[in-house]
Protein backbone atom coordinates (compact mmCIF):
# COMPACT_ATOMS: atom_id res chain seq x y z
CA UNK A 1 -19.54 -21.23 14.93
CA UNK A 2 -16.80 -18.92 16.23
CA UNK A 3 -16.85 -20.76 19.57
CA UNK A 4 -16.40 -24.09 17.79
CA UNK A 5 -13.57 -22.70 15.67
CA UNK A 6 -11.76 -21.21 18.67
CA UNK A 7 -12.14 -24.47 20.62
CA UNK A 8 -10.74 -26.44 17.68
CA UNK A 9 -7.80 -24.04 17.35
CA UNK A 10 -7.03 -24.35 21.05
CA UNK A 11 -7.18 -28.17 20.94
CA UNK A 12 -5.03 -28.48 17.82
CA UNK A 13 -2.75 -25.53 18.50
CA UNK A 14 0.57 -27.44 18.98
CA UNK A 15 0.35 -29.45 15.71
CA UNK A 16 -1.01 -26.43 13.87
CA UNK A 17 1.93 -24.36 15.09
CA UNK A 18 4.39 -26.99 13.86
CA UNK A 19 2.62 -27.18 10.49
CA UNK A 20 2.55 -23.40 10.10
CA UNK A 21 6.25 -23.13 10.92
CA UNK A 22 7.05 -25.93 8.47
CA UNK A 23 5.11 -24.16 5.73
CA UNK A 24 7.01 -20.93 6.37
CA UNK A 25 10.45 -22.34 7.26
CA UNK A 26 12.31 -20.44 4.54
CA UNK A 27 10.48 -17.24 5.42
CA UNK A 28 11.43 -17.72 9.07
CA UNK A 29 15.09 -18.00 8.09
CA UNK A 30 14.77 -14.74 6.18
CA UNK A 31 12.99 -13.21 9.17
CA UNK A 32 15.97 -13.96 11.43
CA UNK A 33 18.18 -12.22 8.88
CA UNK A 34 15.92 -9.15 8.77
CA UNK A 35 15.75 -8.95 12.56
CA UNK A 36 19.54 -8.77 12.73
CA UNK A 37 19.88 -6.35 9.81
CA UNK A 38 17.40 -3.83 11.20
CA UNK A 39 19.78 -2.95 14.05
CA UNK A 40 22.89 -2.43 11.90
CA UNK A 41 24.14 1.14 11.67
CA UNK A 42 23.21 3.02 8.49
CA UNK A 43 26.65 2.68 6.87
CA UNK A 44 26.85 -1.10 7.34
CA UNK A 45 23.24 -1.55 6.23
CA UNK A 46 23.88 0.44 3.04
CA UNK A 47 26.99 -1.62 2.23
CA UNK A 48 24.97 -4.84 2.43
CA UNK A 49 22.20 -3.34 0.32
CA UNK A 50 24.67 -2.27 -2.37
CA UNK A 51 25.94 -5.85 -2.61
CA UNK A 52 22.40 -7.13 -3.11
CA UNK A 53 21.77 -4.47 -5.74
CA UNK A 54 24.96 -5.43 -7.57
CA UNK A 55 23.94 -9.11 -7.53
CA UNK A 56 20.52 -8.27 -8.95
CA UNK A 57 21.99 -6.13 -11.74
CA UNK A 58 24.50 -8.82 -12.63
CA UNK A 59 21.73 -11.43 -12.82
CA UNK A 60 19.55 -9.12 -14.92
CA UNK A 61 22.43 -8.52 -17.32
CA UNK A 62 23.21 -12.25 -17.65
CA UNK A 63 19.68 -13.65 -17.82
CA UNK A 64 17.16 -10.97 -18.89
CA UNK A 65 17.29 -9.83 -22.50
CA UNK A 66 15.58 -6.49 -21.82
CA UNK A 67 18.15 -5.56 -19.20
CA UNK A 68 21.11 -6.99 -21.08
CA UNK A 69 20.60 -4.26 -23.63
CA UNK A 70 19.40 -1.57 -21.23
CA UNK A 71 22.20 -1.97 -18.69
CA UNK A 72 24.88 -2.11 -21.36
CA UNK A 73 23.58 1.06 -23.01
CA UNK A 74 23.56 2.83 -19.64
CA UNK A 75 27.13 1.66 -18.93
CA UNK A 76 26.08 -0.03 -15.68
CA UNK A 77 27.39 -3.51 -16.51
CA UNK A 78 30.10 -4.33 -19.03
CA UNK A 79 30.81 -7.64 -20.78
CA UNK A 80 33.06 -8.74 -17.93
CA UNK A 81 30.15 -8.44 -15.47
CA UNK A 82 31.56 -5.46 -13.59
CA UNK A 83 28.79 -3.28 -12.08
CA UNK A 84 29.11 0.50 -11.84
CA UNK A 85 26.55 1.54 -9.23
CA UNK A 86 27.53 5.19 -9.61
CA UNK A 87 25.67 5.15 -12.95
CA UNK A 88 22.53 3.52 -11.55
CA UNK A 89 20.40 6.62 -12.17
CA UNK A 90 21.17 6.30 -15.89
CA UNK A 91 18.96 3.21 -16.10
CA UNK A 92 15.67 4.19 -17.79
CA UNK A 93 12.65 4.17 -15.48
CA UNK A 94 10.41 1.13 -15.83
CA UNK A 95 6.71 1.93 -16.22
CA UNK A 96 3.56 -0.08 -16.84
CA UNK A 97 3.49 0.55 -20.58
CA UNK A 98 7.06 -0.73 -20.89
CA UNK A 99 6.16 -3.86 -18.95
CA UNK A 100 3.11 -4.55 -21.11
CA UNK A 101 5.10 -4.19 -24.34
CA UNK A 102 8.22 -6.07 -23.13
CA UNK A 103 6.71 -8.78 -20.95
CA UNK A 104 8.51 -11.70 -22.61
CA UNK A 105 11.84 -9.87 -22.71
CA UNK A 106 11.60 -9.08 -18.98
CA UNK A 107 11.49 -12.77 -18.03
CA UNK A 108 14.64 -14.37 -16.71
CA UNK A 109 15.89 -17.18 -18.97
CA UNK A 110 16.27 -19.55 -15.98
CA UNK A 111 12.59 -19.73 -15.01
CA UNK A 112 12.60 -23.52 -15.40
CA UNK A 113 14.84 -23.89 -12.34
CA UNK A 114 12.77 -21.47 -10.25
CA UNK A 115 9.47 -22.01 -8.49
CA UNK A 116 7.41 -19.18 -9.95
CA UNK A 117 3.89 -17.86 -9.99
CA UNK A 118 2.08 -15.20 -11.97
CA UNK A 119 0.83 -12.23 -9.95
CA UNK A 120 -0.68 -8.89 -10.90
CA UNK A 121 -1.12 -5.44 -9.45
CA UNK A 122 -4.52 -4.35 -8.21
CA UNK A 123 -5.11 -2.05 -11.15
CA UNK A 124 -6.31 0.84 -9.01
CA UNK A 125 -5.11 3.36 -11.60
CA UNK A 126 -5.84 1.48 -14.80
CA UNK A 127 -4.82 -1.80 -16.43
CA UNK A 128 -3.17 -4.23 -13.97
CA UNK A 129 0.47 -5.14 -14.39
CA UNK A 130 1.36 -8.84 -14.59
CA UNK A 131 4.56 -10.01 -12.98
CA UNK A 132 6.27 -13.36 -12.49
CA UNK A 133 7.56 -13.85 -8.94
CA UNK A 134 9.78 -16.66 -7.70
CA UNK A 135 9.79 -18.52 -4.39
CA UNK A 136 12.75 -16.52 -3.05
CA UNK A 137 10.75 -13.33 -3.49
CA UNK A 138 7.80 -14.92 -1.67
CA UNK A 139 10.01 -15.96 1.26
CA UNK A 140 11.48 -12.47 1.66
CA UNK A 141 8.03 -10.89 1.26
CA UNK A 142 6.51 -13.05 4.00
CA UNK A 143 9.52 -12.41 6.23
CA UNK A 144 8.98 -8.66 5.92
CA UNK A 145 5.27 -9.09 6.73
CA UNK A 146 6.13 -11.06 9.86
CA UNK A 147 8.70 -8.47 10.94
CA UNK A 148 6.28 -5.59 10.46
CA UNK A 149 3.62 -7.55 12.37
CA UNK A 150 6.06 -8.04 15.23
CA UNK A 151 6.63 -4.30 15.36
CA UNK A 152 2.89 -3.92 15.95
CA UNK A 153 2.80 -6.63 18.62
CA UNK A 154 1.34 -9.40 16.44
CA UNK A 155 2.97 -12.83 16.18
CA UNK A 156 2.64 -15.47 13.48
CA UNK A 157 0.01 -17.35 15.52
CA UNK A 158 -2.04 -14.33 16.60
CA UNK A 159 -5.68 -14.17 15.46
CA UNK A 160 -6.16 -11.59 12.68
CA UNK A 161 -9.03 -10.06 10.78
CA UNK A 162 -8.49 -8.81 7.23
CA UNK A 163 -10.80 -6.01 6.12
CA UNK A 164 -9.77 -6.41 2.52
CA UNK A 165 -11.09 -5.80 -0.96
CA UNK A 166 -9.03 -7.67 -3.51
CA UNK A 167 -10.93 -10.25 -5.51
CA UNK A 168 -7.64 -12.15 -5.79
CA UNK A 169 -7.66 -12.67 -2.01
CA UNK A 170 -11.38 -12.90 -1.30
CA UNK A 171 -13.13 -15.89 -2.76
CA UNK A 172 -16.44 -15.48 -0.94
CA UNK A 173 -18.79 -18.44 -1.21
CA UNK A 174 -16.78 -19.79 -4.15
CA UNK A 175 -13.51 -19.78 -2.24
CA UNK A 176 -11.67 -23.11 -2.68
CA UNK A 177 -11.52 -25.46 0.29
CA UNK A 178 -7.71 -25.25 0.23
CA UNK A 179 -7.86 -21.47 0.69
CA UNK A 180 -10.40 -21.76 3.50
CA UNK A 181 -8.15 -24.29 5.23
CA UNK A 182 -5.18 -21.92 4.93
CA UNK A 183 -7.18 -19.09 6.47
CA UNK A 184 -8.12 -21.42 9.33
CA UNK A 185 -4.52 -22.55 9.82
CA UNK A 186 -3.40 -18.91 9.82
CA UNK A 187 -6.02 -18.10 12.46
CA UNK A 188 -7.58 -15.38 10.33
CA UNK A 189 -10.96 -14.18 9.09
CA UNK A 190 -11.34 -12.19 5.87
CA UNK A 191 -14.07 -9.59 5.53
CA UNK A 192 -14.94 -8.05 2.20
CA UNK A 193 -14.26 -4.30 2.05
CA UNK A 194 -16.21 -4.16 -1.22
CA UNK A 195 -19.47 -4.24 0.75
CA UNK A 196 -19.19 -1.58 3.43
CA UNK A 197 -22.89 -0.89 3.70
CA UNK A 198 -24.36 -0.03 7.13
CA UNK A 199 -25.71 -3.59 7.38
CA UNK A 200 -22.31 -5.10 6.55
CA UNK A 201 -20.40 -2.79 8.90
CA UNK A 202 -22.73 -3.67 11.78
CA UNK A 203 -22.20 -7.36 11.02
CA UNK A 204 -18.41 -6.89 10.81
CA UNK A 205 -18.38 -5.16 14.21
CA UNK A 206 -20.14 -8.23 15.60
CA UNK A 207 -17.55 -10.54 14.03
CA UNK A 208 -14.71 -8.45 15.49
CA UNK A 209 -16.31 -8.67 18.95
CA UNK A 210 -16.75 -12.45 18.67
CA UNK A 211 -13.35 -13.29 17.15
CA UNK A 212 -11.34 -10.78 19.27
CA UNK A 213 -8.37 -10.44 16.90
CA UNK A 214 -4.92 -9.36 18.01
CA UNK A 215 -4.62 -7.36 14.80
CA UNK A 216 -6.91 -5.96 12.11
CA UNK A 217 -5.22 -5.61 8.72
CA UNK A 218 -7.15 -3.19 6.58
CA UNK A 219 -7.29 -0.58 3.88
CA UNK A 220 -6.87 2.87 5.40
CA UNK A 221 -10.13 4.13 3.93
CA UNK A 222 -12.08 1.02 4.95
CA UNK A 223 -11.17 1.14 8.64
CA UNK A 224 -11.84 4.88 8.67
CA UNK A 225 -15.33 4.36 7.24
CA UNK A 226 -15.93 1.55 9.76
CA UNK A 227 -14.77 3.79 12.60
CA UNK A 228 -17.07 6.62 11.58
CA UNK A 229 -20.00 4.22 11.40
CA UNK A 230 -19.23 2.64 14.78
CA UNK A 231 -18.89 6.07 16.37
CA UNK A 232 -22.09 7.44 14.83
CA UNK A 233 -24.08 4.35 15.80
CA UNK A 234 -22.55 4.20 19.33
CA UNK A 235 -21.56 0.54 18.85
CA UNK A 236 -19.29 -1.12 21.40
CA UNK A 237 -16.37 -2.71 19.56
CA UNK A 238 -13.50 -4.93 20.71
CA UNK A 239 -10.10 -3.24 20.97
CA UNK A 240 -7.33 -5.24 19.22
CA UNK A 241 -3.68 -4.83 20.18
CA UNK A 242 -3.07 -3.02 16.90
CA UNK A 243 -4.50 -2.09 13.53
CA UNK A 244 -2.29 -2.35 10.44
CA UNK A 245 -3.34 0.17 7.80
CA UNK A 246 -2.22 -0.17 4.20
CA UNK A 247 -3.25 0.39 0.56
CA UNK A 248 -4.13 4.05 0.89
CA UNK A 249 -3.00 7.30 2.44
CA UNK A 250 -3.54 7.40 6.21
CA UNK A 251 -4.32 11.05 6.85
CA UNK A 252 -3.92 12.46 10.40
CA UNK A 253 -7.67 12.92 10.90
CA UNK A 254 -8.22 9.28 9.86
CA UNK A 255 -5.61 8.04 12.34
CA UNK A 256 -7.19 10.11 15.12
CA UNK A 257 -10.69 8.75 14.46
CA UNK A 258 -9.64 5.09 14.16
CA UNK A 259 -7.50 5.14 17.31
CA UNK A 260 -10.26 6.86 19.26
CA UNK A 261 -12.95 4.37 18.22
CA UNK A 262 -10.92 1.17 18.55
CA UNK A 263 -8.88 2.42 21.54
CA UNK A 264 -5.64 1.07 20.09
CA UNK A 265 -2.63 2.01 17.98
CA UNK A 266 -2.74 2.12 14.21
CA UNK A 267 0.41 1.28 12.23
CA UNK A 268 0.92 2.59 8.71
CA UNK A 269 2.35 0.12 6.20
CA UNK A 270 3.31 0.77 2.58
CA UNK A 271 3.57 -1.71 -0.26
CA UNK A 272 1.98 -3.08 -3.41
CA UNK A 273 1.05 -6.42 -4.89
CA UNK A 274 3.85 -6.31 -7.47
CA UNK A 275 6.52 -5.17 -4.97
CA UNK A 276 5.35 -6.67 -1.66
CA UNK A 277 5.57 -4.79 1.65
CA UNK A 278 8.09 -1.97 1.30
CA UNK A 279 8.01 0.04 4.54
CA UNK A 280 6.22 0.24 7.86
CA UNK A 281 6.00 2.27 11.06
CA UNK A 282 7.57 0.90 14.22
CA UNK A 283 6.07 1.55 17.66
CA UNK A 284 7.60 5.07 17.72
CA UNK A 285 5.43 6.20 14.76
CA UNK A 286 8.10 8.60 13.46
CA UNK A 287 7.89 7.50 9.83
CA UNK A 288 7.99 4.33 7.75
CA UNK A 289 11.17 2.22 7.84
CA UNK A 290 12.10 0.95 4.35
CA UNK A 291 12.99 -2.76 4.40
CA UNK A 292 16.47 -2.34 2.92
CA UNK A 293 17.22 -6.02 2.21
CA UNK A 294 14.13 -6.26 -0.01
CA UNK A 295 13.91 -2.86 -1.73
CA UNK A 296 16.05 -0.02 -2.94
CA UNK A 297 14.00 3.19 -2.95
CA UNK A 298 14.53 6.45 -4.79
CA UNK A 299 12.44 9.60 -4.54
CA UNK A 300 12.86 11.75 -7.62
CA UNK A 301 11.70 15.17 -8.77
CA UNK A 302 9.79 15.81 -11.96
CA UNK A 303 13.11 16.43 -13.77
CA UNK A 304 14.45 13.04 -12.65
CA UNK A 305 16.88 14.40 -10.07
CA UNK A 306 16.85 13.02 -6.50
CA UNK A 307 14.52 14.84 -4.12
CA UNK A 308 16.12 16.29 -1.00
CA UNK A 309 14.97 15.23 2.45
CA UNK A 310 11.53 16.60 3.21
CA UNK A 311 10.77 17.26 -0.46
CA UNK A 312 7.87 15.36 -2.02
CA UNK A 313 8.69 13.44 -5.17
CA UNK A 314 7.83 10.30 -7.12
CA UNK A 315 8.70 6.99 -5.45
CA UNK A 316 10.78 4.67 -7.64
CA UNK A 317 11.31 1.08 -6.45
CA UNK A 318 13.85 -1.61 -7.26
CA UNK A 319 12.90 -5.01 -5.88
CA UNK A 320 16.06 -6.80 -4.73
CA UNK A 321 14.57 -10.26 -4.22
CA UNK A 322 12.69 -11.24 -7.39
CA UNK A 323 15.08 -12.64 -9.98
CA UNK A 324 12.35 -14.28 -12.09
CA UNK A 325 11.29 -10.91 -13.52
CA UNK A 326 13.42 -8.08 -12.14
CA UNK A 327 11.73 -4.72 -11.73
CA UNK A 328 14.51 -2.12 -11.69
CA UNK A 329 13.66 1.55 -11.12
CA UNK A 330 9.94 0.84 -11.29
CA UNK A 331 7.51 3.77 -11.26
CA UNK A 332 5.11 2.41 -8.69
CA UNK A 333 2.83 5.42 -9.07
CA UNK A 334 3.10 6.92 -5.57
CA UNK A 335 4.43 10.15 -4.13
CA UNK A 336 6.43 10.46 -0.90
CA UNK A 337 9.29 12.12 0.92
CA UNK A 338 12.33 11.16 2.98
CA UNK A 339 12.47 11.99 6.64
CA UNK A 340 15.20 14.39 7.70
CA UNK A 341 16.14 12.50 10.86
CA UNK A 342 16.62 8.91 12.08
CA UNK A 343 13.96 7.17 14.15
CA UNK A 344 14.45 7.18 17.93
CA UNK A 345 14.04 3.39 17.92
CA UNK A 346 17.64 3.04 16.73
CA UNK A 347 16.99 1.05 13.53
CA UNK A 348 19.36 1.90 10.69
CA UNK A 349 16.87 1.60 7.83
CA UNK A 350 15.96 4.82 5.96
CA UNK A 351 12.64 6.46 6.83
CA UNK A 352 9.87 7.72 4.61
CA UNK A 353 8.26 10.61 6.45
CA UNK A 354 5.07 9.95 4.51
CA UNK A 355 3.55 8.42 1.41
CA UNK A 356 1.21 11.10 0.17
CA UNK A 357 -0.78 9.31 -2.51
CA UNK A 358 -0.77 8.33 -6.16
CA UNK A 359 1.00 10.31 -8.87
CA UNK A 360 -2.45 10.42 -10.50
CA UNK A 361 -3.63 12.38 -7.44
CA UNK A 362 -1.68 15.41 -8.66
CA UNK A 363 -4.02 18.09 -9.99
CA UNK A 364 -2.88 20.56 -12.65
CA UNK A 365 -3.80 24.24 -12.40
CA UNK A 366 -4.49 26.49 -15.35
CA UNK A 367 -1.11 28.22 -14.92
CA UNK A 368 0.70 24.87 -15.04
CA UNK A 369 1.35 24.54 -11.31
CA UNK A 370 0.76 21.21 -9.59
CA UNK A 371 -1.48 20.73 -6.57
CA UNK A 372 -1.34 17.56 -4.50
CA UNK A 373 -4.63 15.75 -4.03
CA UNK A 374 -4.22 16.05 -0.28
CA UNK A 375 -5.23 19.71 -0.56
CA UNK A 376 -8.71 18.69 -1.68
CA UNK A 377 -9.17 16.11 1.07
CA UNK A 378 -8.63 18.82 3.69
CA UNK A 379 -11.73 20.59 2.33
CA UNK A 380 -13.86 17.70 3.62
CA UNK A 381 -12.13 16.85 6.92
CA UNK A 382 -14.76 18.49 9.12
CA UNK A 383 -17.77 18.45 6.83
CA UNK A 384 -19.89 16.17 9.02
CA UNK A 385 -22.78 16.26 6.52
CA UNK A 386 -20.59 14.46 3.94
CA UNK A 387 -20.63 10.69 4.32
CA UNK A 388 -18.38 10.01 1.32
CA UNK A 389 -16.70 12.10 -1.34
CA UNK A 390 -14.47 11.86 -4.40
CA UNK A 391 -12.81 14.79 -6.19
CA UNK A 392 -12.12 14.17 -9.90
CA UNK A 393 -10.22 16.53 -12.20
CA UNK A 394 -11.67 16.06 -15.67
CA UNK A 395 -9.62 18.91 -17.19
CA UNK A 396 -7.92 22.15 -16.18
CA UNK A 397 -11.33 23.78 -16.61
CA UNK A 398 -13.50 21.18 -14.86
CA UNK A 399 -13.46 19.52 -11.43
CA UNK A 400 -16.26 17.09 -10.62
CA UNK A 401 -17.07 16.15 -7.02
CA UNK A 402 -19.16 13.12 -6.13
CA UNK A 403 -20.90 13.39 -2.75
CA UNK A 404 -22.82 10.94 -0.59
CA UNK A 405 -24.94 12.63 2.08
CA UNK A 406 -27.69 11.55 4.45
CA UNK A 407 -30.48 10.14 2.30
CA UNK A 408 -33.10 11.85 4.44
CA UNK A 409 -31.87 15.29 3.33
CA UNK A 410 -34.06 16.60 0.55
CA UNK A 411 -32.43 18.92 -1.98
CA UNK A 412 -28.93 18.83 -0.42
CA UNK A 413 -27.66 21.30 -3.01
CA UNK A 414 -29.78 24.01 -1.38
CA UNK A 415 -29.43 22.80 2.22
CA UNK A 416 -25.61 22.89 2.05
CA UNK A 417 -25.31 25.81 -0.37
CA UNK A 418 -23.02 27.85 1.90
CA UNK A 419 -20.62 24.93 2.43
CA UNK A 420 -20.54 24.10 -1.29
CA UNK A 421 -19.82 27.72 -2.20
CA UNK A 422 -16.91 27.77 0.26
CA UNK A 423 -15.46 24.55 -1.20
CA UNK A 424 -15.86 25.89 -4.75
CA UNK A 425 -14.04 29.08 -3.83
CA UNK A 426 -11.09 27.16 -2.33
CA UNK A 427 -10.82 24.91 -5.39
CA UNK A 428 -10.90 27.84 -7.81
CA UNK A 429 -8.26 29.57 -5.70
CA UNK A 430 -5.69 26.88 -6.62
CA UNK A 431 -6.93 25.60 -10.01
CA UNK A 432 -8.05 28.92 -11.50
CA UNK A 433 -10.95 31.33 -11.14
CA UNK A 434 -12.76 30.12 -14.25
CA UNK A 435 -12.64 26.46 -13.26
CA UNK A 436 -16.07 24.79 -13.25
CA UNK A 437 -16.75 22.91 -10.01
CA UNK A 438 -19.56 20.40 -10.49
CA UNK A 439 -21.29 18.57 -7.63
CA UNK A 440 -22.92 15.19 -8.23
CA UNK A 441 -24.99 13.73 -5.39
CA UNK A 442 -25.12 9.95 -5.43
CA UNK A 443 -26.17 7.04 -3.23
CA UNK A 444 -22.69 5.50 -3.12
CA UNK A 445 -19.18 5.74 -4.55
CA UNK A 446 -17.69 2.41 -5.57
CA UNK A 447 -14.07 1.42 -4.86
CA UNK A 448 -11.65 0.67 -7.68
CA UNK A 449 -11.23 -2.81 -9.15
CA UNK A 450 -8.62 -3.57 -6.47
CA UNK A 451 -11.02 -2.69 -3.66
CA UNK A 452 -9.20 0.52 -2.78
CA UNK A 453 -11.18 3.70 -2.40
CA UNK A 454 -9.69 6.87 -3.89
CA UNK A 455 -10.59 10.28 -2.55
CA UNK A 456 -8.92 12.19 -5.39
CA UNK A 457 -8.39 11.34 -9.06
CA UNK A 458 -6.76 13.49 -11.71
CA UNK A 459 -7.53 12.27 -15.21
CA UNK A 460 -4.97 14.65 -16.74
CA UNK A 461 -2.00 14.08 -14.43
CA UNK A 462 1.00 12.31 -15.92
């Protein structure tokens, strides 16, 4: 079947290319703009971004009832339409609860003249957020995707494999014919990350070898699990030009394993369904460049003040391209930090040194201190007997750890007693000596509703 598909693509490639370009013509125009903007110096790039931010705020004030009141109260926009960007931080943060309770008031009053669609977040940390997005947003979003792909050596026509888990993107056997045709036109295959059993992973390795993609787009956790399986089973796997990792924290040990197994470079990309692609690594891998024309990013401390470079804080996003339902100062739910130096590639866009995980990955100690979830993942980096794990803080007195180990091991609690005692000790060292550390051995740990797998979850973090 793959041979037939590849032959058909080769035969029809010229008309398919023309059709694909026609379908993405507006996005290609935006792409040309982004390709020029990326090389502007930082000062010029910031001036252009400020203008786009002012335009968005003016539109929100004129057409969105929620922001008409909010922006006026904050003194950002007056009745004459003048925008005071110096007061931008006075705008209240937008969170999911506010969106749920003010959905109608967040709509722009000119939706009838816009081509819009309803989208929603993946819901990896709770109830999904619905958002209306217009065609201009879609064009800019696809342009950013194409630019980031180019950074990784992948063109619009390159064959791609998606190792993905969103039910909104994976139709399976019930997938409409129109969607299947689009996947064919885009020269892509989509594999379901919901079913990463040994049987499925072996089958996926075979598909990768047969299709020989230029790029694999994948969840960070999914490609890491695939890499571990391929390595353990000594499977020969095709080496794509690049792997694009997204929707999860790409830890250094994960990058090392994936690049070793697939013998290629892995690029880290950051974004969300409600905001689109926000930032990505270039080929220098010195941090993630924020796409300035599309997003204005803040990183703030717990007290709301801006974090200094190198300091981890909460990521707050303003989308500059969606006028149908503006999201201004949106608490996306992630933590990150600014890099302290520019990238050696010469691009003028600001750099995130890392995105360290969800705000709900922050654990709270008995004494009130906060511990990032990344601390707990390091406890399992070199525990080869652990196939899968998830650390859950139920309370300040109780941490529950789900573990998947080799099914042939009888009574793993006794077999790995020394290792478990060491992990318990390190957890109690940061949470508190009296903290109960509970181990639950299970056959599998399911991903969230969005298909993302979470290594750490704090049920009490806010």
